């Protein structure tokens, strides 16, 4: 799994807002605190606002703030808003059909790889949603222990719904 710059810096901007949740912060304040350019922070905050994670208020006392308590915002939701899912089911088979086919995957009826990626996506997303912004406001040692314990409790991946997964089994 690779974390993009947008995911990393967007999460850092959210954590900055969570640390100071009683006050609104401006783009220049967040940019300065995180060592980022103001235009890049503006872009990230726009993405987060569209996802409903933050809102803004104009005017002299304006700025950005979280729309929910940090304890109600899961990391999986944040990363999905800032990036893309690990496994993007619609179009997956067409993108990986092979060069010598007519656009149809030769494994469309029984694809163990599609099932693997789909199951891992669900497990990773559910595991990440067990970690909240409030959790990430703790010290590093506490976060390590918290993540270990929560992920140990999430060790079982969710069941696979093969009918929903396979385009040929739906009919």
Protein backbone atom coordinates (compact mmCIF):
# COMPACT_ATOMS: atom_id res chain seq x y z
CA UNK A 1 0.00 0.00 0.00
CA UNK A 2 1.37 3.36 -1.00
CA UNK A 3 0.26 6.58 0.70
CA UNK A 4 0.11 9.52 -1.71
CA UNK A 5 1.26 13.05 -0.87
CA UNK A 6 -2.35 14.21 -1.03
CA UNK A 7 -3.39 11.58 1.53
CA UNK A 8 -0.47 12.35 3.85
CA UNK A 9 -0.76 16.14 3.75
CA UNK A 10 -4.56 16.12 3.74
CA UNK A 11 -4.52 13.98 6.87
CA UNK A 12 -2.00 16.34 8.46
CA UNK A 13 -4.29 19.29 7.71
CA UNK A 14 -7.21 17.46 9.32
CA UNK A 15 -5.10 16.64 12.38
CA UNK A 16 -4.15 20.32 12.64
CA UNK A 17 -7.85 21.22 12.68
CA UNK A 18 -8.57 18.44 15.20
CA UNK A 19 -5.84 19.72 17.56
CA UNK A 20 -7.48 23.12 17.63
CA UNK A 21 -11.07 21.98 17.26
CA UNK A 22 -12.50 24.87 19.30
CA UNK A 23 -11.20 27.45 16.79
CA UNK A 24 -11.38 27.89 13.06
CA UNK A 25 -8.04 27.97 11.25
CA UNK A 26 -7.24 29.82 8.04
CA UNK A 27 -5.39 28.47 5.04
CA UNK A 28 -2.24 30.52 5.83
CA UNK A 29 -2.26 29.30 9.46
CA UNK A 30 -2.52 25.64 8.42
CA UNK A 31 0.04 26.08 5.63
CA UNK A 32 2.55 27.69 7.99
CA UNK A 33 2.01 25.09 10.75
CA UNK A 34 2.46 22.17 8.32
CA UNK A 35 5.21 23.66 6.15
CA UNK A 36 3.07 23.57 3.01
CA UNK A 37 2.21 26.15 0.39
CA UNK A 38 -1.08 28.02 0.81
CA UNK A 39 -2.35 27.01 -2.66
CA UNK A 40 -1.72 23.32 -1.90
CA UNK A 41 -3.49 23.59 1.46
CA UNK A 42 -6.41 25.33 -0.27
CA UNK A 43 -6.63 22.43 -2.74
CA UNK A 44 -6.54 19.84 0.06
CA UNK A 45 -9.15 21.68 2.11
CA UNK A 46 -11.39 21.87 -0.96
CA UNK A 47 -11.24 18.09 -1.32
CA UNK A 48 -11.94 17.60 2.39
CA UNK A 49 -14.83 20.09 2.29
CA UNK A 50 -16.40 18.28 -0.70
CA UNK A 51 -16.17 15.05 1.29
CA UNK A 52 -18.07 16.69 4.16
CA UNK A 53 -15.20 16.33 6.64
CA UNK A 54 -14.68 20.06 7.12
CA UNK A 55 -16.61 23.27 6.58
CA UNK A 56 -15.59 26.86 6.23
CA UNK A 57 -16.83 30.16 7.47
CA UNK A 58 -16.11 33.43 5.73
CA UNK A 59 -15.33 36.71 7.35
CA UNK A 60 -13.00 38.15 9.91
CA UNK A 61 -13.45 35.29 12.38
CA UNK A 62 -13.73 32.75 9.59
CA UNK A 63 -11.68 29.74 8.71
CA UNK A 64 -11.97 25.97 8.51
CA UNK A 65 -13.15 23.50 11.15
CA UNK A 66 -14.16 19.85 11.39
CA UNK A 67 -17.81 19.00 10.77
CA UNK A 68 -17.72 16.27 13.44
CA UNK A 69 -15.77 15.47 16.56
CA UNK A 70 -12.34 13.93 15.88
CA UNK A 71 -13.53 10.72 17.56
CA UNK A 72 -16.25 10.38 14.89
CA UNK A 73 -13.93 10.62 11.87
CA UNK A 74 -12.29 7.34 10.85
CA UNK A 75 -9.01 7.15 9.00
CA UNK A 76 -10.51 4.95 6.27
CA UNK A 77 -13.07 7.62 5.42
CA UNK A 78 -10.35 10.27 5.31
CA UNK A 79 -8.03 8.29 3.04
CA UNK A 80 -10.89 7.41 0.71
CA UNK A 81 -11.83 11.10 0.44
CA UNK A 82 -8.23 12.09 -0.32
CA UNK A 83 -7.28 9.21 -2.59
CA UNK A 84 -8.66 6.17 -4.31
CA UNK A 85 -9.64 2.75 -2.99
CA UNK A 86 -7.06 -0.01 -3.17
CA UNK A 87 -9.45 -2.01 -5.31
CA UNK A 88 -11.79 -0.12 -7.62
CA UNK A 89 -14.39 -2.73 -8.56
CA UNK A 90 -16.18 -0.93 -11.43
CA UNK A 91 -14.01 -1.27 -14.49
CA UNK A 92 -11.40 -3.50 -12.82
CA UNK A 93 -11.89 -6.40 -15.21
CA UNK A 94 -11.84 -4.17 -18.30
CA UNK A 95 -8.63 -2.42 -17.19
CA UNK A 96 -6.92 -5.79 -16.69
CA UNK A 97 -8.41 -7.74 -19.57
CA UNK A 98 -5.12 -8.37 -21.33
CA UNK A 99 -3.65 -6.99 -24.52
CA UNK A 100 -4.87 -9.68 -26.93
CA UNK A 101 -8.52 -9.84 -25.83
CA UNK A 102 -11.49 -7.87 -27.10
CA UNK A 103 -11.74 -5.97 -23.81
CA UNK A 104 -13.20 -8.86 -21.85
CA UNK A 105 -11.15 -10.50 -19.13
CA UNK A 106 -10.51 -14.19 -19.70
CA UNK A 107 -11.14 -14.80 -15.99
CA UNK A 108 -14.41 -12.93 -15.70
CA UNK A 109 -16.43 -15.92 -14.49
CA UNK A 110 -14.04 -17.13 -11.79
CA UNK A 111 -11.36 -14.65 -10.77
CA UNK A 112 -9.48 -15.37 -7.58
CA UNK A 113 -7.48 -12.14 -7.94
CA UNK A 114 -10.62 -9.99 -8.06
CA UNK A 115 -11.88 -11.76 -4.94
CA UNK A 116 -8.52 -11.26 -3.20
CA UNK A 117 -8.28 -7.52 -3.95
CA UNK A 118 -11.93 -6.94 -3.05
CA UNK A 119 -11.59 -8.75 0.28
CA UNK A 120 -8.36 -6.96 1.18
CA UNK A 121 -9.90 -3.58 0.28
CA UNK A 122 -12.83 -4.22 2.62
CA UNK A 123 -10.56 -5.44 5.42
CA UNK A 124 -8.12 -2.53 5.11
CA UNK A 125 -10.95 0.03 4.98
CA UNK A 126 -12.69 -1.49 8.03
CA UNK A 127 -9.37 -1.66 9.89
CA UNK A 128 -8.55 1.96 9.09
CA UNK A 129 -12.01 3.06 10.19
CA UNK A 130 -11.22 1.64 13.65
CA UNK A 131 -8.62 4.40 14.01
CA UNK A 132 -9.99 7.93 14.42
CA UNK A 133 -8.52 11.42 14.24
CA UNK A 134 -8.84 11.58 18.02
CA UNK A 135 -6.67 8.47 18.30
CA UNK A 136 -4.00 10.09 16.13
CA UNK A 137 -3.83 13.09 18.46
CA UNK A 138 -2.19 10.90 21.13
CA UNK A 139 1.57 10.45 21.48
CA UNK A 140 3.38 8.11 19.10
CA UNK A 141 3.83 5.24 21.58
CA UNK A 142 0.15 5.30 22.50
CA UNK A 143 -0.85 5.28 18.83
CA UNK A 144 1.36 2.26 18.11
CA UNK A 145 -0.21 0.26 20.94
CA UNK A 146 -3.71 1.39 20.05
CA UNK A 147 -3.29 0.42 16.39
CA UNK A 148 -1.84 -2.98 17.33
CA UNK A 149 -4.71 -3.78 19.66
CA UNK A 150 -7.44 -2.59 17.29
CA UNK A 151 -5.97 -4.39 14.30
CA UNK A 152 -5.59 -7.57 16.35
CA UNK A 153 -9.32 -7.37 17.03
CA UNK A 154 -9.94 -6.88 13.29
CA UNK A 155 -7.86 -9.88 12.23
CA UNK A 156 -10.75 -11.66 10.51
CA UNK A 157 -11.43 -10.29 7.04
CA UNK A 158 -15.07 -9.75 6.08
CA UNK A 159 -16.87 -12.54 4.19
CA UNK A 160 -16.76 -12.38 0.40
CA UNK A 161 -20.01 -11.83 -1.45
CA UNK A 162 -19.16 -13.66 -4.69
CA UNK A 163 -22.50 -12.89 -6.32
CA UNK A 164 -22.02 -9.13 -5.89
CA UNK A 165 -18.39 -9.43 -6.99
CA UNK A 166 -18.76 -11.40 -10.22
CA UNK A 167 -20.45 -9.82 -13.23
CA UNK A 168 -21.28 -13.23 -14.69
CA UNK A 169 -22.84 -14.65 -11.50
CA UNK A 170 -25.32 -11.78 -11.16
CA UNK A 171 -27.69 -13.15 -13.79
